[in-house]
């Protein structure tokens, strides 16, 4: 399997650098860790990565950013990449933003700053495993449907020839 992508979004450079370094240490062998300083930049990055045929497995975003808030960003992400794992990382968000992200953004986890990297990586690892199982299951379902269509076509041809 190709490397998956993890995208981190925060307007604070120090937070992005710390998160990128910590995630690279844990997931660098299996994932590309990309960063964006705004929701708009992240959406462009998401489109670029998906346009190249790669899979975005995890998106981690801050809630409080200039322009688009994290919950609204996750709602946009969810429309483009509904299966991606979405994590809202914040030090200031209230319950309303978390509820919005859960209801409309497909939120997988809500993590408060400062985060515990052991807990965060354990959660991400578990979510990635489920994500990959879902991808494999979808592949198997697609393959099964393809084979069913082949067999139905063979059966139809046999019936037409009277055998």
C-alpha atoms as a PDB file:
ATOM      1  CA  UNK A   1       0.000   0.000   0.000  1.00  0.00           C
ATOM      2  CA  UNK A   2       1.249   3.514  -0.789  1.00  0.00           C
ATOM      3  CA  UNK A   3       1.978   5.858   2.067  1.00  0.00           C
ATOM      4  CA  UNK A   4      -1.134   7.481   3.442  1.00  0.00           C
ATOM      5  CA  UNK A   5      -1.331  11.162   4.255  1.00  0.00           C
ATOM      6  CA  UNK A   6      -1.840  12.918   7.559  1.00  0.00           C
ATOM      7  CA  UNK A   7      -2.687  16.614   7.274  1.00  0.00           C
ATOM      8  CA  UNK A   8      -2.288  18.937  10.263  1.00  0.00           C
ATOM      9  CA  UNK A   9      -3.974  22.360  10.220  1.00  0.00           C
ATOM     10  CA  UNK A  10      -3.268  25.151  12.702  1.00  0.00           C
ATOM     11  CA  UNK A  11      -2.535  28.856  12.371  1.00  0.00           C
ATOM     12  CA  UNK A  12       0.134  28.639  15.108  1.00  0.00           C
ATOM     13  CA  UNK A  13       3.462  27.650  13.529  1.00  0.00           C
ATOM     14  CA  UNK A  14       4.883  26.290  16.790  1.00  0.00           C
ATOM     15  CA  UNK A  15       1.901  23.965  17.240  1.00  0.00           C
ATOM     16  CA  UNK A  16       2.194  22.752  13.637  1.00  0.00           C
ATOM     17  CA  UNK A  17       5.927  22.111  13.924  1.00  0.00           C
ATOM     18  CA  UNK A  18       5.535  20.215  17.204  1.00  0.00           C
ATOM     19  CA  UNK A  19       2.655  18.130  15.914  1.00  0.00           C
ATOM     20  CA  UNK A  20       4.433  17.399  12.624  1.00  0.00           C
ATOM     21  CA  UNK A  21       7.617  16.315  14.425  1.00  0.00           C
ATOM     22  CA  UNK A  22       5.748  14.111  16.910  1.00  0.00           C
ATOM     23  CA  UNK A  23       3.644  12.474  14.184  1.00  0.00           C
ATOM     24  CA  UNK A  24       6.675  12.022  11.928  1.00  0.00           C
ATOM     25  CA  UNK A  25       8.427  10.141  14.743  1.00  0.00           C
ATOM     26  CA  UNK A  26       5.440   7.818  15.116  1.00  0.00           C
ATOM     27  CA  UNK A  27       4.105   7.533  11.552  1.00  0.00           C
ATOM     28  CA  UNK A  28       6.909   8.762   9.264  1.00  0.00           C
ATOM     29  CA  UNK A  29       7.618   5.298   7.835  1.00  0.00           C
ATOM     30  CA  UNK A  30       4.009   4.750   6.752  1.00  0.00           C
ATOM     31  CA  UNK A  31       2.658   8.268   6.186  1.00  0.00           C
ATOM     32  CA  UNK A  32       3.479  11.615   4.662  1.00  0.00           C
ATOM     33  CA  UNK A  33       2.862  14.325   7.265  1.00  0.00           C
ATOM     34  CA  UNK A  34       1.712  17.591   5.639  1.00  0.00           C
ATOM     35  CA  UNK A  35       0.829  20.884   7.280  1.00  0.00           C
ATOM     36  CA  UNK A  36      -1.310  23.894   6.456  1.00  0.00           C
ATOM     37  CA  UNK A  37      -1.653  27.221   8.294  1.00  0.00           C
ATOM     38  CA  UNK A  38      -5.301  27.794   7.385  1.00  0.00           C
ATOM     39  CA  UNK A  39      -8.412  25.865   6.449  1.00  0.00           C
ATOM     40  CA  UNK A  40      -8.299  27.329   2.944  1.00  0.00           C
ATOM     41  CA  UNK A  41      -4.677  26.217   2.464  1.00  0.00           C
ATOM     42  CA  UNK A  42      -5.580  22.770   3.789  1.00  0.00           C
ATOM     43  CA  UNK A  43      -8.512  22.400   1.374  1.00  0.00           C
ATOM     44  CA  UNK A  44      -6.202  23.226  -1.550  1.00  0.00           C
ATOM     45  CA  UNK A  45      -3.676  20.677  -0.225  1.00  0.00           C
ATOM     46  CA  UNK A  46      -6.426  18.073   0.154  1.00  0.00           C
ATOM     47  CA  UNK A  47      -7.551  18.617  -3.450  1.00  0.00           C
ATOM     48  CA  UNK A  48      -3.952  18.377  -4.689  1.00  0.00           C
ATOM     49  CA  UNK A  49      -3.254  15.135  -2.808  1.00  0.00           C
ATOM     50  CA  UNK A  50      -6.538  13.517  -3.855  1.00  0.00           C
ATOM     51  CA  UNK A  51      -6.017  14.721  -7.427  1.00  0.00           C
ATOM     52  CA  UNK A  52      -2.716  12.827  -7.451  1.00  0.00           C
ATOM     53  CA  UNK A  53      -4.547   9.632  -6.464  1.00  0.00           C
ATOM     54  CA  UNK A  54      -3.286   9.405  -2.896  1.00  0.00           C
ATOM     55  CA  UNK A  55      -5.368   8.668   0.189  1.00  0.00           C
ATOM     56  CA  UNK A  56      -5.769  11.141   3.031  1.00  0.00           C
ATOM     57  CA  UNK A  57      -6.221   8.990   6.071  1.00  0.00           C
ATOM     58  CA  UNK A  58      -6.097  11.564   8.889  1.00  0.00           C
ATOM     59  CA  UNK A  59      -6.874  15.273   9.181  1.00  0.00           C
ATOM     60  CA  UNK A  60      -6.084  17.032  12.447  1.00  0.00           C
ATOM     61  CA  UNK A  61      -7.286  20.614  12.778  1.00  0.00           C
ATOM     62  CA  UNK A  62      -7.415  23.357  15.343  1.00  0.00           C
ATOM     63  CA  UNK A  63     -10.846  24.834  16.025  1.00  0.00           C
ATOM     64  CA  UNK A  64      -9.956  28.495  16.497  1.00  0.00           C
ATOM     65  CA  UNK A  65      -8.318  29.853  13.337  1.00  0.00           C
ATOM     66  CA  UNK A  66      -8.740  33.067  11.352  1.00  0.00           C
ATOM     67  CA  UNK A  67     -11.175  32.691   8.477  1.00  0.00           C
ATOM     68  CA  UNK A  68     -12.811  29.290   8.586  1.00  0.00           C
ATOM     69  CA  UNK A  69     -13.176  27.614  11.988  1.00  0.00           C
ATOM     70  CA  UNK A  70     -12.100  23.998  12.441  1.00  0.00           C
ATOM     71  CA  UNK A  71     -15.639  22.591  12.681  1.00  0.00           C
ATOM     72  CA  UNK A  72     -16.635  24.318   9.420  1.00  0.00           C
ATOM     73  CA  UNK A  73     -13.409  23.125   7.792  1.00  0.00           C
ATOM     74  CA  UNK A  74     -14.171  19.540   8.824  1.00  0.00           C
ATOM     75  CA  UNK A  75     -17.635  19.877   7.310  1.00  0.00           C
ATOM     76  CA  UNK A  76     -16.030  20.836   3.965  1.00  0.00           C
ATOM     77  CA  UNK A  77     -13.491  18.013   4.307  1.00  0.00           C
ATOM     78  CA  UNK A  78     -16.265  15.527   5.068  1.00  0.00           C
ATOM     79  CA  UNK A  79     -17.998  16.367   1.780  1.00  0.00           C
ATOM     80  CA  UNK A  80     -14.757  15.778  -0.155  1.00  0.00           C
ATOM     81  CA  UNK A  81     -13.363  12.867   1.815  1.00  0.00           C
ATOM     82  CA  UNK A  82     -16.075  11.297   3.991  1.00  0.00           C
ATOM     83  CA  UNK A  83     -13.980   8.298   5.022  1.00  0.00           C
ATOM     84  CA  UNK A  84     -10.960  10.274   6.252  1.00  0.00           C
ATOM     85  CA  UNK A  85     -10.331  10.324   9.987  1.00  0.00           C
ATOM     86  CA  UNK A  86     -11.054  13.774  11.391  1.00  0.00           C
ATOM     87  CA  UNK A  87      -9.616  15.026  14.676  1.00  0.00           C
ATOM     88  CA  UNK A  88     -10.472  18.397  16.232  1.00  0.00           C
ATOM     89  CA  UNK A  89      -7.535  19.616  18.332  1.00  0.00           C
ATOM     90  CA  UNK A  90      -8.249  22.670  20.397  1.00  0.00           C
ATOM     91  CA  UNK A  91      -7.620  24.621  23.537  1.00  0.00           C
ATOM     92  CA  UNK A  92     -10.566  26.990  23.274  1.00  0.00           C
ATOM     93  CA  UNK A  93     -13.521  25.369  21.580  1.00  0.00           C
ATOM     94  CA  UNK A  94     -16.749  25.040  23.443  1.00  0.00           C
ATOM     95  CA  UNK A  95     -19.114  22.132  23.381  1.00  0.00           C
ATOM     96  CA  UNK A  96     -21.126  23.681  20.532  1.00  0.00           C
ATOM     97  CA  UNK A  97     -18.225  23.479  18.068  1.00  0.00           C
ATOM     98  CA  UNK A  98     -17.521  19.864  19.020  1.00  0.00           C
ATOM     99  CA  UNK A  99     -21.178  18.949  18.534  1.00  0.00           C
ATOM    100  CA  UNK A 100     -21.202  20.717  15.157  1.00  0.00           C
ATOM    101  CA  UNK A 101     -18.051  18.853  14.075  1.00  0.00           C
ATOM    102  CA  UNK A 102     -19.527  15.533  15.180  1.00  0.00           C
ATOM    103  CA  UNK A 103     -22.859  16.113  13.487  1.00  0.00           C
ATOM    104  CA  UNK A 104     -21.661  17.663  10.222  1.00  0.00           C
ATOM    105  CA  UNK A 105     -17.927  17.025   9.934  1.00  0.00           C
ATOM    106  CA  UNK A 106     -17.653  13.309  10.606  1.00  0.00           C
ATOM    107  CA  UNK A 107     -15.487  13.978  13.675  1.00  0.00           C
ATOM    108  CA  UNK A 108     -13.597  10.907  14.900  1.00  0.00           C
ATOM    109  CA  UNK A 109     -11.932  12.456  17.969  1.00  0.00           C
ATOM    110  CA  UNK A 110     -11.994  15.656  20.007  1.00  0.00           C
ATOM    111  CA  UNK A 111      -8.601  16.325  21.627  1.00  0.00           C
ATOM    112  CA  UNK A 112      -7.814  19.186  23.988  1.00  0.00           C
ATOM    113  CA  UNK A 113      -4.539  21.122  23.970  1.00  0.00           C
ATOM    114  CA  UNK A 114      -2.052  20.427  25.334  1.00  0.00           C
ATOM    115  CA  UNK A 115      -2.379  16.927  23.946  1.00  0.00           C
ATOM    116  CA  UNK A 116      -0.738  13.788  25.279  1.00  0.00           C
ATOM    117  CA  UNK A 117       1.235  12.394  22.337  1.00  0.00           C
ATOM    118  CA  UNK A 118       1.029   8.798  23.573  1.00  0.00           C
ATOM    119  CA  UNK A 119      -2.763   8.965  23.783  1.00  0.00           C
ATOM    120  CA  UNK A 120      -3.028  10.808  20.467  1.00  0.00           C
ATOM    121  CA  UNK A 121      -0.808   8.357  18.574  1.00  0.00           C
ATOM    122  CA  UNK A 122      -2.601   5.368  20.113  1.00  0.00           C
ATOM    123  CA  UNK A 123      -5.940   6.814  18.993  1.00  0.00           C
ATOM    124  CA  UNK A 124      -4.617   7.632  15.511  1.00  0.00           C
ATOM    125  CA  UNK A 125      -3.099   4.164  15.114  1.00  0.00           C
ATOM    126  CA  UNK A 126      -6.407   2.546  16.107  1.00  0.00           C
ATOM    127  CA  UNK A 127      -8.405   4.812  13.776  1.00  0.00           C
ATOM    128  CA  UNK A 128      -6.018   4.149  10.860  1.00  0.00           C
ATOM    129  CA  UNK A 129      -6.399   0.406  11.401  1.00  0.00           C
ATOM    130  CA  UNK A 130     -10.200   0.755  11.197  1.00  0.00           C
ATOM    131  CA  UNK A 131      -9.874   3.070   8.165  1.00  0.00           C
ATOM    132  CA  UNK A 132      -7.723   0.513   6.336  1.00  0.00           C
ATOM    133  CA  UNK A 133     -10.065  -2.338   7.263  1.00  0.00           C
ATOM    134  CA  UNK A 134     -12.961  -0.333   5.831  1.00  0.00           C
ATOM    135  CA  UNK A 135     -10.992   0.280   2.617  1.00  0.00           C
ATOM    136  CA  UNK A 136     -10.192  -3.416   2.320  1.00  0.00           C
ATOM    137  CA  UNK A 137     -13.817  -4.359   2.994  1.00  0.00           C
ATOM    138  CA  UNK A 138     -14.982  -1.922   0.309  1.00  0.00           C
ATOM    139  CA  UNK A 139     -12.462  -3.398  -2.122  1.00  0.00           C
ATOM    140  CA  UNK A 140     -13.730  -6.914  -1.370  1.00  0.00           C
ATOM    141  CA  UNK A 141     -17.366  -5.834  -1.812  1.00  0.00           C
ATOM    142  CA  UNK A 142     -16.506  -4.203  -5.144  1.00  0.00           C
ATOM    143  CA  UNK A 143     -14.668  -7.327  -6.279  1.00  0.00           C
ATOM    144  CA  UNK A 144     -17.581  -9.521  -5.235  1.00  0.00           C
ATOM    145  CA  UNK A 145     -20.061  -7.298  -7.114  1.00  0.00           C
ATOM    146  CA  UNK A 146     -17.841  -7.418 -10.206  1.00  0.00           C
ATOM    147  CA  UNK A 147     -17.711 -11.225 -10.047  1.00  0.00           C
ATOM    148  CA  UNK A 148     -21.495 -11.461  -9.557  1.00  0.00           C
ATOM    149  CA  UNK A 149     -22.029  -9.384 -12.708  1.00  0.00           C
ATOM    150  CA  UNK A 150     -19.650 -11.641 -14.639  1.00  0.00           C
ATOM    151  CA  UNK A 151     -21.507 -14.748 -13.503  1.00  0.00           C
ATOM    152  CA  UNK A 152     -24.896 -13.198 -14.306  1.00  0.00           C
ATOM    153  CA  UNK A 153     -23.631 -12.354 -17.799  1.00  0.00           C
ATOM    154  CA  UNK A 154     -22.297 -15.888 -18.293  1.00  0.00           C
ATOM    155  CA  UNK A 155     -25.628 -17.298 -17.094  1.00  0.00           C
ATOM    156  CA  UNK A 156     -27.547 -15.004 -19.457  1.00  0.00           C
ATOM    157  CA  UNK A 157     -25.420 -16.131 -22.404  1.00  0.00           C
ATOM    158  CA  UNK A 158     -25.920 -19.770 -21.512  1.00  0.00           C
ATOM    159  CA  UNK A 159     -29.682 -19.293 -21.336  1.00  0.00           C
ATOM    160  CA  UNK A 160     -29.695 -17.589 -24.740  1.00  0.00           C
ATOM    161  CA  UNK A 161     -27.855 -20.493 -26.350  1.00  0.00           C
ATOM    162  CA  UNK A 162     -30.254 -22.978 -24.773  1.00  0.00           C
ATOM    163  CA  UNK A 163     -27.714 -24.875 -22.773  1.00  0.00           C
END
